[in-house]
Protein backbone atom coordinates (compact mmCIF):
# COMPACT_ATOMS: atom_id res chain seq x y z
CA UNK A 1 -3.89 50.69 -64.68
CA UNK A 2 -0.21 50.60 -66.22
CA UNK A 3 0.99 47.19 -66.75
CA UNK A 4 4.54 46.29 -66.09
CA UNK A 5 5.55 43.58 -68.45
CA UNK A 6 8.50 42.36 -66.59
CA UNK A 7 8.94 42.07 -62.85
CA UNK A 8 12.80 42.37 -63.26
CA UNK A 9 12.17 46.13 -63.91
CA UNK A 10 10.65 46.71 -60.42
CA UNK A 11 12.68 47.39 -57.38
CA UNK A 12 12.52 44.32 -54.82
CA UNK A 13 11.43 44.38 -51.34
CA UNK A 14 12.11 41.43 -49.34
CA UNK A 15 10.31 40.41 -45.95
CA UNK A 16 12.58 38.39 -43.73
CA UNK A 17 12.26 37.10 -40.09
CA UNK A 18 11.69 34.13 -37.83
CA UNK A 19 8.27 32.24 -38.04
CA UNK A 20 5.24 33.72 -36.47
CA UNK A 21 6.20 37.51 -36.41
CA UNK A 22 3.67 38.54 -38.85
CA UNK A 23 5.57 38.66 -42.05
CA UNK A 24 2.51 37.50 -44.07
CA UNK A 25 0.08 39.78 -42.26
CA UNK A 26 2.09 42.79 -43.39
CA UNK A 27 2.47 41.39 -46.84
CA UNK A 28 -1.28 41.32 -47.00
CA UNK A 29 -1.56 44.61 -45.72
CA UNK A 30 0.81 46.32 -48.42
CA UNK A 31 -0.60 43.99 -51.30
CA UNK A 32 -4.30 45.19 -50.23
CA UNK A 33 -5.24 41.62 -50.85
CA UNK A 34 -5.36 38.39 -48.55
CA UNK A 35 -2.62 36.76 -50.65
CA UNK A 36 -0.70 34.91 -47.82
CA UNK A 37 -2.14 32.66 -45.59
CA UNK A 38 -2.26 33.89 -42.03
CA UNK A 39 -2.12 31.60 -38.92
CA UNK A 40 -0.79 31.43 -35.57
CA UNK A 41 0.91 28.17 -36.69
CA UNK A 42 4.76 28.82 -36.88
CA UNK A 43 6.10 28.29 -40.15
CA UNK A 44 3.02 28.53 -42.45
CA UNK A 45 5.07 30.46 -45.24
CA UNK A 46 7.76 28.11 -46.45
CA UNK A 47 8.34 29.29 -50.12
CA UNK A 48 9.13 32.75 -51.54
CA UNK A 49 5.91 34.34 -52.41
CA UNK A 50 5.92 37.43 -54.90
CA UNK A 51 3.35 40.13 -55.70
CA UNK A 52 3.41 43.35 -57.37
CA UNK A 53 2.58 46.21 -55.05
CA UNK A 54 2.05 49.85 -55.04
CA UNK A 55 3.40 51.94 -52.20
CA UNK A 56 1.28 55.02 -52.69
CA UNK A 57 2.01 55.67 -56.37
CA UNK A 58 5.16 53.66 -56.72
CA UNK A 59 5.43 50.04 -57.94
CA UNK A 60 7.69 47.47 -56.38
CA UNK A 61 7.95 43.68 -56.19
CA UNK A 62 7.37 42.24 -52.65
CA UNK A 63 8.99 39.13 -51.57
CA UNK A 64 7.56 37.29 -48.77
CA UNK A 65 9.97 34.54 -47.52
CA UNK A 66 9.57 31.70 -45.38
CA UNK A 67 10.02 32.11 -41.65
CA UNK A 68 13.80 31.36 -40.74
CA UNK A 69 14.02 28.86 -37.84
CA UNK A 70 17.30 27.58 -36.58
CA UNK A 71 16.65 23.95 -36.79
CA UNK A 72 17.84 20.57 -38.11
CA UNK A 73 14.51 20.11 -39.84
CA UNK A 74 15.47 19.80 -43.59
CA UNK A 75 12.48 21.81 -44.73
CA UNK A 76 13.31 24.87 -42.49
CA UNK A 77 17.04 24.55 -43.29
CA UNK A 78 15.95 25.03 -46.90
CA UNK A 79 13.64 27.73 -45.97
CA UNK A 80 16.48 29.76 -44.28
CA UNK A 81 18.70 29.35 -47.11
CA UNK A 82 16.42 30.57 -49.54
CA UNK A 83 15.26 33.39 -47.30
CA UNK A 84 18.98 34.65 -47.13
CA UNK A 85 19.34 34.40 -51.02
CA UNK A 86 16.14 36.26 -51.60
CA UNK A 87 17.35 39.26 -49.18
CA UNK A 88 20.72 39.41 -51.09
CA UNK A 89 18.79 39.86 -54.45
CA UNK A 90 16.42 42.67 -52.85
CA UNK A 91 16.91 46.14 -52.99
CA UNK A 92 15.09 46.75 -49.84
CA UNK A 93 15.06 44.42 -46.74
CA UNK A 94 12.34 44.64 -44.03
CA UNK A 95 13.57 42.53 -41.21
CA UNK A 96 10.76 41.78 -38.96
CA UNK A 97 10.63 40.79 -35.18
CA UNK A 98 8.20 40.01 -32.61
CA UNK A 99 7.80 43.09 -30.22
CA UNK A 100 6.12 40.89 -27.67
CA UNK A 101 9.40 39.12 -26.91
CA UNK A 102 12.96 40.41 -26.06
CA UNK A 103 15.58 40.86 -28.72
CA UNK A 104 16.89 37.36 -29.87
CA UNK A 105 20.59 36.40 -30.41
CA UNK A 106 19.46 34.76 -33.68
CA UNK A 107 17.71 37.66 -34.92
CA UNK A 108 20.84 39.75 -34.05
CA UNK A 109 23.13 37.53 -35.85
CA UNK A 110 21.00 37.37 -39.18
CA UNK A 111 20.39 41.04 -38.85
CA UNK A 112 24.09 41.91 -38.92
CA UNK A 113 24.74 39.39 -42.08
CA UNK A 114 21.74 41.32 -43.77
CA UNK A 115 23.31 44.82 -42.85
CA UNK A 116 26.54 43.79 -44.22
CA UNK A 117 25.02 43.62 -47.56
CA UNK A 118 24.72 47.44 -47.64
CA UNK A 119 21.16 47.26 -48.84
CA UNK A 120 18.43 49.76 -47.66
CA UNK A 121 17.51 48.07 -44.27
CA UNK A 122 14.73 48.38 -41.64
CA UNK A 123 14.02 46.88 -38.35
CA UNK A 124 10.31 46.13 -38.18
CA UNK A 125 8.93 45.48 -34.53
CA UNK A 126 5.36 44.04 -35.13
CA UNK A 127 2.88 43.50 -32.33
CA UNK A 128 3.16 47.01 -30.71
CA UNK A 129 -0.35 47.31 -30.12
CA UNK A 130 -0.59 50.40 -27.92
CA UNK A 131 1.25 53.42 -26.75
CA UNK A 132 2.26 51.75 -23.47
CA UNK A 133 4.11 49.00 -25.52
CA UNK A 134 5.98 51.55 -27.49
CA UNK A 135 8.55 51.69 -24.53
CA UNK A 136 9.81 48.19 -25.40
CA UNK A 137 11.06 49.62 -28.43
CA UNK A 138 14.14 50.98 -27.03
CA UNK A 139 15.29 47.53 -26.33
CA UNK A 140 15.68 46.82 -29.83
CA UNK A 141 18.42 49.49 -30.41
CA UNK A 142 20.86 46.78 -29.24
CA UNK A 143 20.72 45.95 -32.90
CA UNK A 144 22.73 49.13 -33.76
CA UNK A 145 19.86 50.47 -35.97
CA UNK A 146 19.52 54.10 -36.76
CA UNK A 147 16.31 55.69 -35.27
CA UNK A 148 14.92 56.59 -38.55
CA UNK A 149 15.17 52.86 -39.62
CA UNK A 150 13.44 51.50 -36.70
CA UNK A 151 9.67 50.97 -36.62
CA UNK A 152 7.33 49.88 -33.92
CA UNK A 153 3.98 48.73 -35.65
CA UNK A 154 1.10 46.59 -35.17
CA UNK A 155 -0.31 45.23 -38.35
CA UNK A 156 -3.49 43.80 -36.81
CA UNK A 157 -4.45 47.08 -35.32
CA UNK A 158 -3.09 49.08 -38.26
CA UNK A 159 -0.70 51.15 -36.01
CA UNK A 160 2.65 52.65 -37.11
CA UNK A 161 2.41 51.31 -40.40
CA UNK A 162 2.25 54.91 -42.33
CA UNK A 163 5.44 55.71 -41.24
CA UNK A 164 6.98 52.51 -42.49
CA UNK A 165 5.33 53.11 -45.73
CA UNK A 166 6.54 56.72 -45.97
CA UNK A 167 10.05 55.15 -45.42
CA UNK A 168 9.62 52.44 -48.39
CA UNK A 169 8.16 55.20 -50.53
CA UNK A 170 11.20 57.69 -49.97
CA UNK A 171 13.70 55.05 -50.85
CA UNK A 172 12.00 53.73 -53.95
CA UNK A 173 12.93 55.50 -57.24
CA UNK A 174 11.21 58.91 -57.95
CA UNK A 175 8.53 58.67 -60.56
CA UNK A 176 8.37 60.48 -63.92
CA UNK A 177 6.36 63.54 -63.73
CA UNK A 178 3.88 62.11 -65.95
CA UNK A 179 2.70 59.85 -63.20
CA UNK A 180 -0.40 60.47 -61.07
CA UNK A 181 -0.08 60.52 -57.42
CA UNK A 182 -2.99 58.41 -55.70
CA UNK A 183 -4.32 58.87 -51.95
CA UNK A 184 -1.48 57.98 -49.59
CA UNK A 185 -3.91 57.09 -46.94
CA UNK A 186 -4.94 53.79 -48.60
CA UNK A 187 -2.22 51.86 -47.19
CA UNK A 188 -2.29 52.97 -43.71
CA UNK A 189 -3.83 55.36 -41.25
CA UNK A 190 -2.85 55.41 -37.46
CA UNK A 191 -6.11 56.73 -36.54
CA UNK A 192 -7.99 53.45 -37.85
CA UNK A 193 -8.20 50.11 -36.42
CA UNK A 194 -9.24 46.74 -38.21
CA UNK A 195 -10.08 43.46 -36.57
CA UNK A 196 -7.35 40.72 -36.40
CA UNK A 197 -6.76 39.52 -39.98
CA UNK A 198 -9.08 42.00 -41.49
CA UNK A 199 -7.39 44.58 -44.18
CA UNK A 200 -8.74 47.30 -46.18
CA UNK A 201 -9.02 46.04 -49.82
CA UNK A 202 -9.55 48.09 -53.04
CA UNK A 203 -12.93 48.65 -53.70
CA UNK A 204 -12.84 48.05 -57.32
CA UNK A 205 -10.80 45.29 -59.29
CA UNK A 206 -9.45 47.15 -62.42
CA UNK A 207 -9.20 44.62 -65.36
CA UNK A 208 -6.40 44.70 -67.46
CA UNK A 209 -6.53 44.24 -71.30
CA UNK A 210 -6.62 40.60 -72.43
CA UNK A 211 -3.29 39.70 -73.43
CA UNK A 212 -2.82 36.42 -75.20
CA UNK A 213 0.98 36.41 -74.33
CA UNK A 214 0.14 35.70 -70.69
CA UNK A 215 -0.63 32.38 -69.57
CA UNK A 216 -1.58 31.45 -66.06
CA UNK A 217 -1.07 27.66 -65.22
CA UNK A 218 -2.35 25.83 -62.07
CA UNK A 219 -0.62 22.69 -60.88
CA UNK A 220 -2.67 20.65 -58.88
CA UNK A 221 -2.79 17.22 -57.35
CA UNK A 222 -2.78 15.18 -54.07
CA UNK A 223 -0.03 15.61 -51.73
CA UNK A 224 3.50 14.49 -52.85
CA UNK A 225 3.01 13.66 -56.32
CA UNK A 226 5.62 15.96 -57.27
CA UNK A 227 4.09 19.31 -58.13
CA UNK A 228 7.00 21.25 -56.91
CA UNK A 229 9.42 19.30 -58.44
CA UNK A 230 7.76 19.60 -61.87
CA UNK A 231 7.59 23.64 -61.38
CA UNK A 232 11.16 23.60 -60.60
CA UNK A 233 11.92 21.46 -63.56
CA UNK A 234 9.81 24.00 -65.88
CA UNK A 235 11.32 26.91 -64.87
CA UNK A 236 14.92 25.48 -64.63
CA UNK A 237 15.45 26.53 -60.94
CA UNK A 238 14.70 25.36 -57.46
CA UNK A 239 11.66 27.82 -56.72
CA UNK A 240 9.51 25.55 -54.35
CA UNK A 241 10.75 23.71 -51.51
CA UNK A 242 10.85 19.97 -52.21
CA UNK A 243 10.65 17.38 -49.31
CA UNK A 244 9.36 13.96 -49.24
CA UNK A 245 7.09 15.16 -46.26
CA UNK A 246 3.56 15.13 -47.57
CA UNK A 247 2.20 18.81 -47.22
CA UNK A 248 5.35 20.80 -47.69
CA UNK A 249 3.56 23.47 -49.99
CA UNK A 250 0.81 25.09 -48.16
CA UNK A 251 0.66 28.50 -49.82
CA UNK A 252 0.43 28.48 -53.46
CA UNK A 253 3.67 29.64 -55.32
CA UNK A 254 3.73 31.52 -58.41
CA UNK A 255 6.41 31.94 -60.74
CA UNK A 256 6.68 33.43 -64.20
CA UNK A 257 9.09 33.04 -67.04
CA UNK A 258 9.24 33.71 -70.80
CA UNK A 259 8.95 30.79 -73.34
CA UNK A 260 8.37 31.12 -76.92
CA UNK A 261 7.21 34.83 -76.71
CA UNK A 262 4.81 33.93 -73.96
CA UNK A 263 4.97 34.80 -70.38
CA UNK A 264 3.87 31.78 -68.50
CA UNK A 265 2.91 32.17 -64.79
CA UNK A 266 2.68 28.87 -62.76
CA UNK A 267 0.81 28.44 -59.55
CA UNK A 268 2.17 25.61 -57.42
CA UNK A 269 -0.93 24.69 -55.38
CA UNK A 270 -0.91 23.03 -52.08
CA UNK A 271 -1.36 19.28 -52.18
CA UNK A 272 -4.96 18.22 -51.56
CA UNK A 273 -5.86 15.30 -49.28
CA UNK A 274 -9.20 13.71 -48.37
CA UNK A 275 -11.56 16.06 -46.61
CA UNK A 276 -11.29 14.12 -43.60
CA UNK A 277 -7.64 14.46 -43.57
CA UNK A 278 -7.63 18.36 -43.88
CA UNK A 279 -6.71 19.65 -40.58
CA UNK A 280 -5.91 23.23 -39.50
CA UNK A 281 -4.14 25.16 -41.91
CA UNK A 282 -4.62 22.83 -44.86
CA UNK A 283 -8.41 23.57 -45.21
CA UNK A 284 -7.27 27.15 -46.08
CA UNK A 285 -4.75 25.49 -48.68
CA UNK A 286 -7.72 23.66 -50.16
CA UNK A 287 -9.60 27.00 -50.30
CA UNK A 288 -6.74 28.77 -52.00
CA UNK A 289 -6.34 25.78 -54.61
CA UNK A 290 -9.92 26.64 -55.65
CA UNK A 291 -9.14 30.57 -55.69
CA UNK A 292 -6.31 29.89 -57.85
CA UNK A 293 -8.17 27.63 -60.25
CA UNK A 294 -10.50 30.57 -60.84
CA UNK A 295 -7.73 32.68 -62.01
CA UNK A 296 -6.00 30.07 -64.23
CA UNK A 297 -6.15 29.28 -67.77
CA UNK A 298 -4.60 26.09 -67.98
CA UNK A 299 -4.31 23.19 -65.36
CA UNK A 300 -1.56 20.67 -64.99
CA UNK A 301 -3.11 17.51 -63.42
CA UNK A 302 -0.41 15.83 -61.89
CA UNK A 303 -0.44 12.08 -61.11
CA UNK A 304 1.88 9.84 -59.47
CA UNK A 305 2.90 7.13 -62.26
CA UNK A 306 4.91 5.02 -59.50
CA UNK A 307 1.59 4.34 -57.50
CA UNK A 308 -1.87 3.43 -58.36
CA UNK A 309 -4.65 5.92 -59.10
CA UNK A 310 -7.02 6.61 -56.26
CA UNK A 311 -10.55 8.18 -55.97
CA UNK A 312 -8.91 11.37 -54.77
CA UNK A 313 -7.16 11.69 -58.02
CA UNK A 314 -10.49 11.78 -59.77
CA UNK A 315 -12.02 14.28 -57.42
CA UNK A 316 -9.25 16.68 -58.01
CA UNK A 317 -9.39 16.20 -61.66
CA UNK A 318 -13.00 17.12 -61.29
CA UNK A 319 -12.28 20.60 -60.02
CA UNK A 320 -10.32 21.41 -63.43
CA UNK A 321 -13.63 20.21 -65.29
CA UNK A 322 -15.69 22.43 -62.82
CA UNK A 323 -13.65 25.60 -63.75
CA UNK A 324 -13.40 24.87 -67.42
CA UNK A 325 -9.68 25.09 -67.81
CA UNK A 326 -7.55 23.97 -70.60
CA UNK A 327 -5.82 20.79 -69.08
CA UNK A 328 -3.16 18.52 -69.49
CA UNK A 329 -2.64 15.25 -67.41
CA UNK A 330 0.93 14.94 -66.42
CA UNK A 331 2.32 11.59 -65.17
CA UNK A 332 5.14 12.39 -62.95
CA UNK A 333 7.79 9.84 -61.68
CA UNK A 334 7.54 7.95 -64.99
CA UNK A 335 11.17 6.60 -64.50
CA UNK A 336 9.84 4.72 -61.42
CA UNK A 337 7.16 2.85 -63.37
CA UNK A 338 7.47 -0.32 -65.02
CA UNK A 339 4.00 -0.49 -66.65
CA UNK A 340 3.70 0.34 -70.23
CA UNK A 341 2.38 3.94 -71.36
CA UNK A 342 -0.51 2.56 -72.82
CA UNK A 343 -1.64 0.46 -70.11
CA UNK A 344 -1.78 3.38 -67.67
CA UNK A 345 -3.13 5.71 -70.43
CA UNK A 346 -6.24 3.22 -70.44
CA UNK A 347 -6.59 3.32 -66.82
CA UNK A 348 -6.55 7.20 -66.82
CA UNK A 349 -9.00 7.40 -69.65
CA UNK A 350 -11.26 5.07 -67.72
CA UNK A 351 -11.21 6.98 -64.63
CA UNK A 352 -11.21 10.65 -66.04
CA UNK A 353 -13.77 10.18 -68.73
CA UNK A 354 -14.79 13.92 -68.37
CA UNK A 355 -11.11 14.69 -69.39
CA UNK A 356 -11.17 12.81 -72.38
CA UNK A 357 -9.98 15.74 -74.30
CA UNK A 358 -6.84 16.37 -72.27
CA UNK A 359 -3.42 15.20 -73.62
CA UNK A 360 -1.52 12.94 -71.31
CA UNK A 361 2.28 13.40 -71.17
CA UNK A 362 4.68 11.05 -69.18
CA UNK A 363 7.48 13.15 -67.60
CA UNK A 364 10.18 12.87 -64.74
CA UNK A 365 10.89 15.83 -62.97
CA UNK A 366 13.98 14.10 -61.32
CA UNK A 367 15.73 13.36 -64.56
CA UNK A 368 14.03 16.06 -66.85
CA UNK A 369 12.42 13.75 -69.19
CA UNK A 370 9.74 15.25 -71.64
CA UNK A 371 10.10 18.68 -69.54
CA UNK A 372 10.44 20.65 -72.87
CA UNK A 373 7.65 18.61 -74.51
CA UNK A 374 5.42 19.79 -71.74
CA UNK A 375 6.40 23.41 -72.07
CA UNK A 376 5.63 23.05 -76.06
CA UNK A 377 2.18 21.35 -75.14
CA UNK A 378 1.38 24.25 -72.74
CA UNK A 379 1.62 26.62 -75.59
CA UNK A 380 -0.27 24.77 -77.86
CA UNK A 381 -3.23 23.71 -75.45
CA UNK A 382 -3.43 27.69 -74.66
CA UNK A 383 -3.77 28.69 -78.48
CA UNK A 384 -6.70 26.10 -78.58
CA UNK A 385 -8.25 27.22 -75.41
CA UNK A 386 -8.12 30.76 -76.72
CA UNK A 387 -8.79 30.35 -80.42
CA UNK A 388 -11.73 31.88 -82.17
CA UNK A 389 -13.48 30.42 -84.95
CA UNK A 390 -15.21 32.58 -87.45
CA UNK A 391 -19.07 32.27 -87.88
CA UNK A 392 -18.55 31.12 -91.59
CA UNK A 393 -16.54 28.48 -90.64
CA UNK A 394 -18.71 27.23 -87.67
CA UNK A 395 -21.67 27.35 -89.97
CA UNK A 396 -20.17 25.17 -92.60
CA UNK A 397 -19.03 22.70 -89.97
CA UNK A 398 -22.41 22.59 -88.24
CA UNK A 399 -24.22 22.15 -91.64
CA UNK A 400 -22.02 19.25 -92.39
CA UNK A 401 -23.08 17.71 -88.97
CA UNK A 402 -26.83 18.27 -89.74
CA UNK A 403 -26.38 16.37 -93.14
CA UNK A 404 -24.70 13.51 -91.32
CA UNK A 405 -27.20 13.17 -88.45
CA UNK A 406 -30.47 15.34 -88.72
CA UNK A 407 -31.68 17.09 -85.91
CA UNK A 408 -34.34 15.07 -83.94
CA UNK A 409 -37.81 15.87 -83.68
CA UNK A 410 -39.02 15.52 -80.12
CA UNK A 411 -42.69 14.74 -79.86
CA UNK A 412 -43.02 15.58 -83.47
CA UNK A 413 -41.66 19.23 -82.72
CA UNK A 414 -39.87 20.63 -85.72
CA UNK A 415 -36.36 22.00 -84.91
CA UNK A 416 -34.11 24.35 -86.64
CA UNK A 417 -30.74 25.96 -86.10
CA UNK A 418 -30.86 29.39 -87.86
CA UNK A 419 -27.06 29.76 -87.32
CA UNK A 420 -23.91 29.26 -85.15
CA UNK A 421 -21.55 31.89 -83.59
CA UNK A 422 -18.72 31.82 -81.08
CA UNK A 423 -19.23 34.57 -78.60
CA UNK A 424 -16.45 33.94 -75.98
CA UNK A 425 -12.89 32.38 -75.70
CA UNK A 426 -10.98 30.60 -72.86
CA UNK A 427 -12.68 28.24 -72.99
CA UNK A 428 -14.51 28.56 -76.43
CA UNK A 429 -18.36 29.08 -75.93
CA UNK A 430 -20.42 28.53 -78.96
CA UNK A 431 -24.09 29.48 -79.48
CA UNK A 432 -26.68 27.66 -81.52
CA UNK A 433 -29.44 30.15 -82.46
CA UNK A 434 -32.58 27.99 -82.65
CA UNK A 435 -36.38 28.12 -82.89
CA UNK A 436 -36.77 25.63 -79.87
CA UNK A 437 -33.64 25.73 -77.74
CA UNK A 438 -35.27 23.79 -74.79
CA UNK A 439 -36.05 20.70 -76.82
CA UNK A 440 -32.59 20.15 -78.27
CA UNK A 441 -31.65 16.90 -76.46
CA UNK A 442 -28.09 17.01 -74.64
CA UNK A 443 -26.90 13.99 -76.55
CA UNK A 444 -27.17 15.88 -79.91
CA UNK A 445 -25.24 18.75 -78.56
CA UNK A 446 -22.39 16.25 -77.66
CA UNK A 447 -22.65 14.88 -81.07
CA UNK A 448 -22.17 18.44 -82.33
CA UNK A 449 -19.01 18.92 -80.11
CA UNK A 450 -17.38 15.70 -81.27
CA UNK A 451 -17.66 16.99 -84.80
CA UNK A 452 -16.19 20.30 -83.90
CA UNK A 453 -13.46 18.25 -82.31
CA UNK A 454 -13.05 16.25 -85.67
CA UNK A 455 -12.90 19.56 -87.61
CA UNK A 456 -10.94 21.81 -85.32
CA UNK A 457 -7.93 21.45 -82.93
CA UNK A 458 -9.60 21.78 -79.71
CA UNK A 459 -7.29 19.32 -77.79
CA UNK A 460 -6.96 20.00 -74.18
CA UNK A 461 -9.90 22.45 -73.96
CA UNK A 462 -13.61 21.87 -73.12
CA UNK A 463 -16.13 23.15 -75.46
CA UNK A 464 -19.13 24.88 -74.15
CA UNK A 465 -22.41 25.02 -76.25
CA UNK A 466 -25.41 26.83 -75.60
CA UNK A 467 -28.65 27.03 -77.26
CA UNK A 468 -30.52 30.28 -77.69
CA UNK A 469 -33.57 31.90 -79.36
CA UNK A 470 -33.12 34.76 -81.46
CA UNK A 471 -32.41 37.74 -79.16
CA UNK A 472 -32.09 35.79 -76.10
CA UNK A 473 -28.96 36.00 -73.97
CA UNK A 474 -28.76 32.45 -72.65
CA UNK A 475 -30.70 29.37 -72.65
CA UNK A 476 -29.13 25.92 -72.08
CA UNK A 477 -25.66 24.68 -71.92
CA UNK A 478 -23.65 21.53 -72.77
CA UNK A 479 -20.00 21.23 -72.10
CA UNK A 480 -17.77 18.60 -73.15
């Protein structure tokens, strides 16, 4: 798989339209993954979601904008502005409408505005589920669109999509002759149908080479602690819709930027509520948050310094521990808090004992206080998270630990560590090769972890210790 280092090199395709016309479903179809949350609830997508896609054998950057809805609601007003701004930046615009409804004056007005931009523009009429419904397409010629730029499709039934993909393919730049053309039928085939919400996925996931210059950071926390504001402050622009209304972010939003020779990709996950409060679409957001944690290297656990910590904060932080991520605890809204940092730090350490290795940084997304410090700490924690310690160094440290505190002899058994080696990074996983691995008590493994932390810089990262016999792949594991 060819890896494009910079998304700025790719042509951009913007999906624009009113809520609930099927933009996210088409986004998933093109991406060949279930990336966007699909729901009958209007306004599910509120931020601009980006994903690198392949149209047959040509790469592009797909931008799925929030549904444009003429309303006085502050959130949707912001969504409309960002959607139009995104369309202006794009090279190709797919303007999507609902084929079950008559042409809408709001649709026409916005379509004319986009048409004036002089970009490659297609009018995509979705929900044309059968041949009889194709007769309604003539009504959409009111937009003044050329016949070759009007597409009647049904994403849910996979009808008409191939013609649309062919059009996109033809307006994208030509490939160098060295590029290999893949099977065009992978994206769409009018003769095949899939159930609502189901899309053909790639049979195999091709893993890219590990690149230590790419850092994936998940931003998690309960609703309205300021995750989106922190994301905007870190990247230096308004990327996520920010609102005092709890739960504004539903889909995770990702954004990459360069910092100190590293490519940092942030995932601004949906705010988490108590399980009993998760209704409708927010249960999908909780599921998506866990999916993002599986892909991330680091996590920012965002807490609201202006309010008391609650049990839910501890449960959310427990997700980070569960997925073994490098971690920074971020106290947001510090400018609104009157307590001393030492006092609140003691409270956090008391509640989050399992994250004792995570640094705590107090920031203010509103004023920008300590945002640069947070960026620097991300780089440092990632270096710790991905470091590999030589076998000779590890054996020196463990031998020193054995002198300070000898191995126990459970029930008179003689335990011996032959040698120690690190066999994995992200997070660091270290094996103790022993004669009787099952008899080493977890408390002694934690002692060894503490010694490793004394001798090496593992701030912000969990350490996994496994005990094994010679020639044995895996026995027992302790993390701390």
